[in-house]
Amino acid sequence: MQQAGDVVGALVGVLDEAALTAFDLAISVNGSLVRRSLGSSWDTPFEAADPVREFSWRKDGHGFAGWYYSATVRDHVGYESWLERDRLILLDRDPHVAAIVSQPFWLHWHDGIRKRRHAPDYFVRLSDGRARIVDVRAEDEMDEATQEAFDATRHACRAVGWEFEWAGRPEPVFMANVRWLSRYRRARCGRPAVVADRLLEVFREPMGLWDGAGLVGDRLQVLPVLFHLLWSGALKTDLVGGLMETDSLVWTEGNTWAA
């Protein structure tokens, strides 16, 4: 007997021509799910859509559901695990991301044996208008059914010109540093503008974080602005080599000293 995985593999091989009708999208409209073919619904403005299902987590599991306030969309975006929350933080920091929505639709298809459906973790609208679907799962937690769902989603995305990203665990030191900086993601942390301008001037020559902040003024006022500029990328530091310290070198974006 042919295995489900083999059927999916054989099916997706011919989906590029038939995907617009082979896949359906179920979208939340005024609290009700409306199902249409991929070909007739792919251009829906999903960045304004409601999640198609409630966020859930098991008390004895590794996940944890919650809401993350995105500075990009100026609203809360849901997640169902710490790993999804970390991916949200990274998406929120990406200057090419214009909008993020969780659980944007149900993707329906038939794998040759049974009906299947999958709700991707995130729909991302990029600043140039392109769309990206992001599914989050650690590599060591992937099972056959999840891999099949991700493969089907990837092929559906390809049919309509969307990007597909499978996001695993980020590098731990980098993620720890970005989590810290995310505390200063809101625009108010970048004010007053005169402090931000002075920081960009001071760090044209690389120097330690603490020393540079002291040259600008009262560190109680200056450090939140400095961290906001590191979050936005206007200032740079090594986020991978180790956890940020008071003597971490900081420099203005575009400085070519390290080259």
C-alpha atoms as a PDB file:
ATOM      1  CA  MET A   1       0.000   0.000   0.000  1.00  0.00           C
ATOM      2  CA  GLN A   2       1.253   3.493  -0.837  1.00  0.00           C
ATOM      3  CA  GLN A   3       2.088   5.552   2.262  1.00  0.00           C
ATOM      4  CA  ALA A   4       0.514   8.970   2.907  1.00  0.00           C
ATOM      5  CA  GLY A   5       3.883  10.685   2.633  1.00  0.00           C
ATOM      6  CA  ASP A   6       4.473   9.091  -0.782  1.00  0.00           C
ATOM      7  CA  VAL A   7       1.041  10.221  -1.973  1.00  0.00           C
ATOM      8  CA  VAL A   8       1.711  13.788  -0.840  1.00  0.00           C
ATOM      9  CA  GLY A   9       5.070  13.731  -2.588  1.00  0.00           C
ATOM     10  CA  ALA A  10       3.501  12.506  -5.823  1.00  0.00           C
ATOM     11  CA  LEU A  11       0.682  15.036  -5.540  1.00  0.00           C
ATOM     12  CA  VAL A  12       2.809  18.118  -4.959  1.00  0.00           C
ATOM     13  CA  GLY A  13       4.859  17.212  -8.006  1.00  0.00           C
ATOM     14  CA  VAL A  14       1.929  18.179 -10.217  1.00  0.00           C
ATOM     15  CA  LEU A  15       0.431  20.907  -8.058  1.00  0.00           C
ATOM     16  CA  ASP A  16       2.213  23.814  -9.705  1.00  0.00           C
ATOM     17  CA  GLU A  17      -0.289  23.697 -12.555  1.00  0.00           C
ATOM     18  CA  ALA A  18      -3.347  22.728 -10.519  1.00  0.00           C
ATOM     19  CA  ALA A  19      -2.663  24.339  -7.151  1.00  0.00           C
ATOM     20  CA  LEU A  20      -5.059  27.245  -7.639  1.00  0.00           C
ATOM     21  CA  THR A  21      -7.964  24.781  -7.522  1.00  0.00           C
ATOM     22  CA  ALA A  22      -6.337  21.922  -5.571  1.00  0.00           C
ATOM     23  CA  PHE A  23      -6.031  24.130  -2.480  1.00  0.00           C
ATOM     24  CA  ASP A  24      -8.761  26.052  -0.665  1.00  0.00           C
ATOM     25  CA  LEU A  25      -8.392  28.856   1.853  1.00  0.00           C
ATOM     26  CA  ALA A  26     -10.853  29.268   4.721  1.00  0.00           C
ATOM     27  CA  ILE A  27     -10.873  32.867   5.948  1.00  0.00           C
ATOM     28  CA  SER A  28     -12.567  34.454   8.949  1.00  0.00           C
ATOM     29  CA  VAL A  29     -15.167  36.998   7.774  1.00  0.00           C
ATOM     30  CA  ASN A  30     -17.250  38.678  10.483  1.00  0.00           C
ATOM     31  CA  GLY A  31     -16.635  35.744  12.805  1.00  0.00           C
ATOM     32  CA  SER A  32     -17.558  33.046  10.261  1.00  0.00           C
ATOM     33  CA  LEU A  33     -15.273  30.926   8.108  1.00  0.00           C
ATOM     34  CA  VAL A  34     -15.643  31.469   4.372  1.00  0.00           C
ATOM     35  CA  ARG A  35     -13.960  28.898   2.142  1.00  0.00           C
ATOM     36  CA  ARG A  36     -12.805  29.632  -1.400  1.00  0.00           C
ATOM     37  CA  SER A  37     -10.271  28.230  -3.829  1.00  0.00           C
ATOM     38  CA  LEU A  38      -6.694  29.420  -3.535  1.00  0.00           C
ATOM     39  CA  GLY A  39      -6.955  30.959  -6.989  1.00  0.00           C
ATOM     40  CA  SER A  40      -9.902  33.159  -6.022  1.00  0.00           C
ATOM     41  CA  SER A  41      -8.720  34.182  -2.555  1.00  0.00           C
ATOM     42  CA  TRP A  42      -4.921  34.498  -2.588  1.00  0.00           C
ATOM     43  CA  ASP A  43      -5.123  38.305  -3.019  1.00  0.00           C
ATOM     44  CA  THR A  44      -7.200  38.773   0.161  1.00  0.00           C
ATOM     45  CA  PRO A  45      -5.655  41.480   2.407  1.00  0.00           C
ATOM     46  CA  PHE A  46      -4.729  38.965   5.105  1.00  0.00           C
ATOM     47  CA  GLU A  47      -2.890  41.630   7.091  1.00  0.00           C
ATOM     48  CA  ALA A  48      -6.354  42.836   8.158  1.00  0.00           C
ATOM     49  CA  ALA A  49      -7.778  39.359   8.804  1.00  0.00           C
ATOM     50  CA  ASP A  50      -8.760  37.840  12.131  1.00  0.00           C
ATOM     51  CA  PRO A  51      -7.193  34.557  13.305  1.00  0.00           C
ATOM     52  CA  VAL A  52      -9.184  31.562  12.089  1.00  0.00           C
ATOM     53  CA  ARG A  53      -8.958  29.729  15.391  1.00  0.00           C
ATOM     54  CA  GLU A  54      -8.352  30.378  19.064  1.00  0.00           C
ATOM     55  CA  PHE A  55      -4.833  30.137  20.442  1.00  0.00           C
ATOM     56  CA  SER A  56      -4.331  27.027  22.510  1.00  0.00           C
ATOM     57  CA  TRP A  57      -1.714  25.304  24.620  1.00  0.00           C
ATOM     58  CA  ARG A  58      -1.533  22.247  26.856  1.00  0.00           C
ATOM     59  CA  LYS A  59      -0.800  22.603  30.548  1.00  0.00           C
ATOM     60  CA  ASP A  60       1.678  19.712  30.389  1.00  0.00           C
ATOM     61  CA  GLY A  61       3.215  20.775  27.072  1.00  0.00           C
ATOM     62  CA  HIS A  62       6.131  22.998  26.055  1.00  0.00           C
ATOM     63  CA  GLY A  63       3.989  25.714  24.527  1.00  0.00           C
ATOM     64  CA  PHE A  64       2.593  28.827  26.085  1.00  0.00           C
ATOM     65  CA  ALA A  65      -0.012  31.014  24.404  1.00  0.00           C
ATOM     66  CA  GLY A  66      -0.025  34.771  24.685  1.00  0.00           C
ATOM     67  CA  TRP A  67      -0.105  38.138  22.944  1.00  0.00           C
ATOM     68  CA  TYR A  68       2.919  40.126  21.836  1.00  0.00           C
ATOM     69  CA  TYR A  69       2.610  43.857  21.232  1.00  0.00           C
ATOM     70  CA  SER A  70       4.136  44.508  17.808  1.00  0.00           C
ATOM     71  CA  ALA A  71       5.669  47.939  17.276  1.00  0.00           C
ATOM     72  CA  THR A  72       5.378  47.296  13.538  1.00  0.00           C
ATOM     73  CA  VAL A  73       1.583  46.901  13.462  1.00  0.00           C
ATOM     74  CA  ARG A  74       0.925  48.811  16.715  1.00  0.00           C
ATOM     75  CA  ASP A  75      -1.308  46.021  17.930  1.00  0.00           C
ATOM     76  CA  HIS A  76      -1.117  42.652  19.641  1.00  0.00           C
ATOM     77  CA  VAL A  77      -0.281  39.504  17.686  1.00  0.00           C
ATOM     78  CA  GLY A  78      -0.961  36.061  19.115  1.00  0.00           C
ATOM     79  CA  TYR A  79       1.475  33.187  19.607  1.00  0.00           C
ATOM     80  CA  GLU A  80       1.214  29.641  20.955  1.00  0.00           C
ATOM     81  CA  SER A  81       4.767  28.910  22.113  1.00  0.00           C
ATOM     82  CA  TRP A  82       7.899  30.688  23.253  1.00  0.00           C
ATOM     83  CA  LEU A  83       9.429  29.746  19.902  1.00  0.00           C
ATOM     84  CA  GLU A  84       6.605  31.491  18.051  1.00  0.00           C
ATOM     85  CA  ARG A  85       7.000  34.479  20.370  1.00  0.00           C
ATOM     86  CA  ASP A  86      10.708  34.668  19.505  1.00  0.00           C
ATOM     87  CA  ARG A  87       9.902  34.564  15.802  1.00  0.00           C
ATOM     88  CA  LEU A  88       7.416  37.406  16.322  1.00  0.00           C
ATOM     89  CA  ILE A  89      10.128  39.486  17.952  1.00  0.00           C
ATOM     90  CA  LEU A  90      12.455  38.886  14.998  1.00  0.00           C
ATOM     91  CA  LEU A  91       9.719  39.739  12.501  1.00  0.00           C
ATOM     92  CA  ASP A  92       8.912  42.893  14.473  1.00  0.00           C
ATOM     93  CA  ARG A  93      12.548  43.974  14.210  1.00  0.00           C
ATOM     94  CA  ASP A  94      12.830  43.273  10.480  1.00  0.00           C
ATOM     95  CA  PRO A  95      12.684  46.623   8.605  1.00  0.00           C
ATOM     96  CA  HIS A  96      11.246  44.873   5.538  1.00  0.00           C
ATOM     97  CA  VAL A  97       8.148  43.676   7.440  1.00  0.00           C
ATOM     98  CA  ALA A  98       5.076  45.926   7.244  1.00  0.00           C
ATOM     99  CA  ALA A  99       2.408  43.703   8.845  1.00  0.00           C
ATOM    100  CA  ILE A 100       2.127  40.433  10.786  1.00  0.00           C
ATOM    101  CA  VAL A 101      -0.994  38.338  11.392  1.00  0.00           C
ATOM    102  CA  SER A 102      -1.191  35.023  13.229  1.00  0.00           C
ATOM    103  CA  GLN A 103      -3.327  32.041  12.132  1.00  0.00           C
ATOM    104  CA  PRO A 104      -4.417  33.917   8.955  1.00  0.00           C
ATOM    105  CA  PHE A 105      -6.342  31.100   7.245  1.00  0.00           C
ATOM    106  CA  TRP A 106      -6.957  27.384   7.028  1.00  0.00           C
ATOM    107  CA  LEU A 107      -5.269  25.801   4.039  1.00  0.00           C
ATOM    108  CA  HIS A 108      -7.323  22.825   2.818  1.00  0.00           C
ATOM    109  CA  TRP A 109      -6.205  20.080   0.428  1.00  0.00           C
ATOM    110  CA  HIS A 110      -6.586  16.359  -0.223  1.00  0.00           C
ATOM    111  CA  ASP A 111      -3.457  14.236   0.030  1.00  0.00           C
ATOM    112  CA  GLY A 112      -4.827  11.404  -2.098  1.00  0.00           C
ATOM    113  CA  ILE A 113      -6.090   9.489   0.926  1.00  0.00           C
ATOM    114  CA  ARG A 114      -7.846  11.973   3.168  1.00  0.00           C
ATOM    115  CA  LYS A 115      -8.756  15.605   3.547  1.00  0.00           C
ATOM    116  CA  ARG A 116      -6.116  17.731   5.257  1.00  0.00           C
ATOM    117  CA  ARG A 117      -5.944  21.242   6.633  1.00  0.00           C
ATOM    118  CA  HIS A 118      -3.285  23.458   8.165  1.00  0.00           C
ATOM    119  CA  ALA A 119      -3.342  26.931   9.700  1.00  0.00           C
ATOM    120  CA  PRO A 120       0.063  28.583   9.138  1.00  0.00           C
ATOM    121  CA  ASP A 121       1.501  30.422  12.115  1.00  0.00           C
ATOM    122  CA  TYR A 122       1.973  33.830  10.467  1.00  0.00           C
ATOM    123  CA  PHE A 123       1.106  35.806   7.376  1.00  0.00           C
ATOM    124  CA  VAL A 124       3.663  38.564   6.802  1.00  0.00           C
ATOM    125  CA  ARG A 125       3.228  41.499   4.434  1.00  0.00           C
ATOM    126  CA  LEU A 126       6.548  42.926   3.318  1.00  0.00           C
ATOM    127  CA  SER A 127       7.136  46.609   2.683  1.00  0.00           C
ATOM    128  CA  ASP A 128       7.368  46.039  -1.085  1.00  0.00           C
ATOM    129  CA  GLY A 129       3.948  44.349  -1.150  1.00  0.00           C
ATOM    130  CA  ARG A 130       5.147  40.748  -1.282  1.00  0.00           C
ATOM    131  CA  ALA A 131       3.669  38.133   1.034  1.00  0.00           C
ATOM    132  CA  ARG A 132       5.411  35.565   3.223  1.00  0.00           C
ATOM    133  CA  ILE A 133       3.961  32.616   5.122  1.00  0.00           C
ATOM    134  CA  VAL A 134       5.917  31.605   8.226  1.00  0.00           C
ATOM    135  CA  ASP A 135       5.566  28.285  10.028  1.00  0.00           C
ATOM    136  CA  VAL A 136       7.463  27.810  13.285  1.00  0.00           C
ATOM    137  CA  ARG A 137       8.649  24.440  14.573  1.00  0.00           C
ATOM    138  CA  ALA A 138      11.925  23.281  16.093  1.00  0.00           C
ATOM    139  CA  GLU A 139      13.704  20.782  13.870  1.00  0.00           C
ATOM    140  CA  ASP A 140      13.873  18.139  16.596  1.00  0.00           C
ATOM    141  CA  GLU A 141      10.105  18.415  17.109  1.00  0.00           C
ATOM    142  CA  MET A 142       9.127  17.830  13.493  1.00  0.00           C
ATOM    143  CA  ASP A 143       6.965  14.782  12.797  1.00  0.00           C
ATOM    144  CA  GLU A 144       5.790  13.326   9.491  1.00  0.00           C
ATOM    145  CA  ALA A 145       2.375  14.985   9.550  1.00  0.00           C
ATOM    146  CA  THR A 146       3.885  18.415  10.234  1.00  0.00           C
ATOM    147  CA  GLN A 147       6.484  17.977   7.502  1.00  0.00           C
ATOM    148  CA  GLU A 148       3.754  17.041   5.045  1.00  0.00           C
ATOM    149  CA  ALA A 149       1.708  20.094   6.046  1.00  0.00           C
ATOM    150  CA  PHE A 150       4.718  22.371   5.607  1.00  0.00           C
ATOM    151  CA  ASP A 151       5.511  20.832   2.208  1.00  0.00           C
ATOM    152  CA  ALA A 152       1.937  21.349   1.027  1.00  0.00           C
ATOM    153  CA  THR A 153       1.960  24.941   2.296  1.00  0.00           C
ATOM    154  CA  ARG A 154       5.236  25.623   0.508  1.00  0.00           C
ATOM    155  CA  HIS A 155       3.796  24.437  -2.806  1.00  0.00           C
ATOM    156  CA  ALA A 156       0.603  26.438  -2.348  1.00  0.00           C
ATOM    157  CA  CYS A 157       2.724  29.520  -1.678  1.00  0.00           C
ATOM    158  CA  ARG A 158       4.837  28.916  -4.760  1.00  0.00           C
ATOM    159  CA  ALA A 159       1.705  28.735  -6.913  1.00  0.00           C
ATOM    160  CA  VAL A 160       0.654  32.279  -5.967  1.00  0.00           C
ATOM    161  CA  GLY A 161       4.078  33.880  -5.660  1.00  0.00           C
ATOM    162  CA  TRP A 162       4.268  33.966  -1.876  1.00  0.00           C
ATOM    163  CA  GLU A 163       7.420  33.239   0.058  1.00  0.00           C
ATOM    164  CA  PHE A 164       7.377  30.348   2.526  1.00  0.00           C
ATOM    165  CA  GLU A 165       9.641  30.175   5.563  1.00  0.00           C
ATOM    166  CA  TRP A 166      10.052  27.319   8.004  1.00  0.00           C
ATOM    167  CA  ALA A 167      11.525  28.933  11.130  1.00  0.00           C
ATOM    168  CA  GLY A 168      13.301  26.811  13.715  1.00  0.00           C
ATOM    169  CA  ARG A 169      15.149  27.754  16.877  1.00  0.00           C
ATOM    170  CA  PRO A 170      17.176  30.964  16.571  1.00  0.00           C
ATOM    171  CA  GLU A 171      20.767  31.138  17.785  1.00  0.00           C
ATOM    172  CA  PRO A 172      20.394  31.420  21.588  1.00  0.00           C
ATOM    173  CA  VAL A 173      22.830  34.259  22.354  1.00  0.00           C
ATOM    174  CA  PHE A 174      21.543  36.348  19.462  1.00  0.00           C
ATOM    175  CA  MET A 175      17.942  35.744  20.541  1.00  0.00           C
ATOM    176  CA  ALA A 176      18.687  36.631  24.162  1.00  0.00           C
ATOM    177  CA  ASN A 177      20.166  39.965  23.059  1.00  0.00           C
ATOM    178  CA  VAL A 178      17.255  40.754  20.735  1.00  0.00           C
ATOM    179  CA  ARG A 179      14.737  39.882  23.477  1.00  0.00           C
ATOM    180  CA  TRP A 180      16.443  42.439  25.686  1.00  0.00           C
ATOM    181  CA  LEU A 181      16.362  45.089  22.975  1.00  0.00           C
ATOM    182  CA  SER A 182      12.679  44.357  22.280  1.00  0.00           C
ATOM    183  CA  ARG A 183      11.848  46.009  25.607  1.00  0.00           C
ATOM    184  CA  TYR A 184      12.791  49.267  23.903  1.00  0.00           C
ATOM    185  CA  ARG A 185      10.998  48.671  20.591  1.00  0.00           C
ATOM    186  CA  ARG A 186       8.285  51.308  21.041  1.00  0.00           C
ATOM    187  CA  ALA A 187       8.842  54.626  19.282  1.00  0.00           C
ATOM    188  CA  ARG A 188       8.669  56.567  22.546  1.00  0.00           C
ATOM    189  CA  CYS A 189      11.946  54.946  23.616  1.00  0.00           C
ATOM    190  CA  GLY A 190      13.712  56.717  20.759  1.00  0.00           C
ATOM    191  CA  ARG A 191      12.927  60.171  22.141  1.00  0.00           C
ATOM    192  CA  PRO A 192      14.003  62.883  22.598  1.00  0.00           C
ATOM    193  CA  ALA A 193      15.328  63.183  19.066  1.00  0.00           C
ATOM    194  CA  VAL A 194      18.237  65.363  20.176  1.00  0.00           C
ATOM    195  CA  VAL A 195      19.554  62.450  22.286  1.00  0.00           C
ATOM    196  CA  ALA A 196      19.182  60.014  19.382  1.00  0.00           C
ATOM    197  CA  ASP A 197      21.051  62.379  17.059  1.00  0.00           C
ATOM    198  CA  ARG A 198      23.836  62.830  19.579  1.00  0.00           C
ATOM    199  CA  LEU A 199      24.206  59.062  20.043  1.00  0.00           C
ATOM    200  CA  LEU A 200      24.550  58.548  16.307  1.00  0.00           C
ATOM    201  CA  GLU A 201      27.245  61.202  16.279  1.00  0.00           C
ATOM    202  CA  VAL A 202      29.153  59.866  19.308  1.00  0.00           C
ATOM    203  CA  PHE A 203      29.249  56.290  18.020  1.00  0.00           C
ATOM    204  CA  ARG A 204      30.635  57.201  14.613  1.00  0.00           C
ATOM    205  CA  GLU A 205      33.825  55.972  16.224  1.00  0.00           C
ATOM    206  CA  PRO A 206      33.249  52.569  17.920  1.00  0.00           C
ATOM    207  CA  MET A 207      33.364  52.669  21.681  1.00  0.00           C
ATOM    208  CA  GLY A 208      31.959  50.907  24.716  1.00  0.00           C
ATOM    209  CA  LEU A 209      28.221  51.155  25.284  1.00  0.00           C
ATOM    210  CA  TRP A 210      28.485  52.601  28.794  1.00  0.00           C
ATOM    211  CA  ASP A 211      31.209  55.123  27.962  1.00  0.00           C
ATOM    212  CA  GLY A 212      29.445  56.383  24.856  1.00  0.00           C
ATOM    213  CA  ALA A 213      26.150  56.827  26.689  1.00  0.00           C
ATOM    214  CA  GLY A 214      27.960  58.857  29.351  1.00  0.00           C
ATOM    215  CA  LEU A 215      29.319  61.254  26.744  1.00  0.00           C
ATOM    216  CA  VAL A 216      25.767  62.071  25.639  1.00  0.00           C
ATOM    217  CA  GLY A 217      24.269  62.842  29.051  1.00  0.00           C
ATOM    218  CA  ASP A 218      22.393  61.307  31.972  1.00  0.00           C
ATOM    219  CA  ARG A 219      22.463  57.561  31.352  1.00  0.00           C
ATOM    220  CA  LEU A 220      18.971  57.160  32.837  1.00  0.00           C
ATOM    221  CA  GLN A 221      17.696  59.156  29.882  1.00  0.00           C
ATOM    222  CA  VAL A 222      20.247  58.103  27.310  1.00  0.00           C
ATOM    223  CA  LEU A 223      20.301  54.304  27.648  1.00  0.00           C
ATOM    224  CA  PRO A 224      16.666  53.677  26.600  1.00  0.00           C
ATOM    225  CA  VAL A 225      17.309  55.726  23.462  1.00  0.00           C
ATOM    226  CA  LEU A 226      20.543  53.852  22.818  1.00  0.00           C
ATOM    227  CA  PHE A 227      18.774  50.475  23.159  1.00  0.00           C
ATOM    228  CA  HIS A 228      16.011  51.652  20.836  1.00  0.00           C
ATOM    229  CA  LEU A 229      18.598  52.585  18.204  1.00  0.00           C
ATOM    230  CA  LEU A 230      20.202  49.150  18.592  1.00  0.00           C
ATOM    231  CA  TRP A 231      16.761  47.572  18.172  1.00  0.00           C
ATOM    232  CA  SER A 232      16.078  49.544  14.998  1.00  0.00           C
ATOM    233  CA  GLY A 233      19.552  48.923  13.586  1.00  0.00           C
ATOM    234  CA  ALA A 234      20.561  52.578  13.476  1.00  0.00           C
ATOM    235  CA  LEU A 235      23.297  51.596  15.940  1.00  0.00           C
ATOM    236  CA  LYS A 236      25.153  48.284  15.696  1.00  0.00           C
ATOM    237  CA  THR A 237      26.804  45.908  18.129  1.00  0.00           C
ATOM    238  CA  ASP A 238      27.820  42.247  18.100  1.00  0.00           C
ATOM    239  CA  LEU A 239      24.632  40.392  19.042  1.00  0.00           C
ATOM    240  CA  VAL A 240      26.050  36.918  18.375  1.00  0.00           C
ATOM    241  CA  GLY A 241      29.458  36.752  20.054  1.00  0.00           C
ATOM    242  CA  GLY A 242      28.173  37.194  23.602  1.00  0.00           C
ATOM    243  CA  LEU A 243      25.552  38.823  25.772  1.00  0.00           C
ATOM    244  CA  MET A 244      25.633  42.618  25.703  1.00  0.00           C
ATOM    245  CA  GLU A 245      27.708  44.183  28.463  1.00  0.00           C
ATOM    246  CA  THR A 246      28.560  47.725  29.497  1.00  0.00           C
ATOM    247  CA  ASP A 247      31.803  47.484  27.520  1.00  0.00           C
ATOM    248  CA  SER A 248      30.211  46.055  24.352  1.00  0.00           C
ATOM    249  CA  LEU A 249      31.431  47.976  21.315  1.00  0.00           C
ATOM    250  CA  VAL A 250      28.742  50.045  19.620  1.00  0.00           C
ATOM    251  CA  TRP A 251      28.984  51.867  16.309  1.00  0.00           C
ATOM    252  CA  THR A 252      26.754  53.797  13.948  1.00  0.00           C
ATOM    253  CA  GLU A 253      25.132  51.815  11.159  1.00  0.00           C
ATOM    254  CA  GLY A 254      27.069  52.159   7.933  1.00  0.00           C
ATOM    255  CA  ASN A 255      30.412  52.528   9.687  1.00  0.00           C
ATOM    256  CA  THR A 256      32.927  50.403   7.803  1.00  0.00           C
ATOM    257  CA  TRP A 257      35.567  50.257  10.535  1.00  0.00           C
ATOM    258  CA  ALA A 258      35.228  46.491  10.966  1.00  0.00           C
ATOM    259  CA  ALA A 259      35.825  45.819   7.246  1.00  0.00           C
END
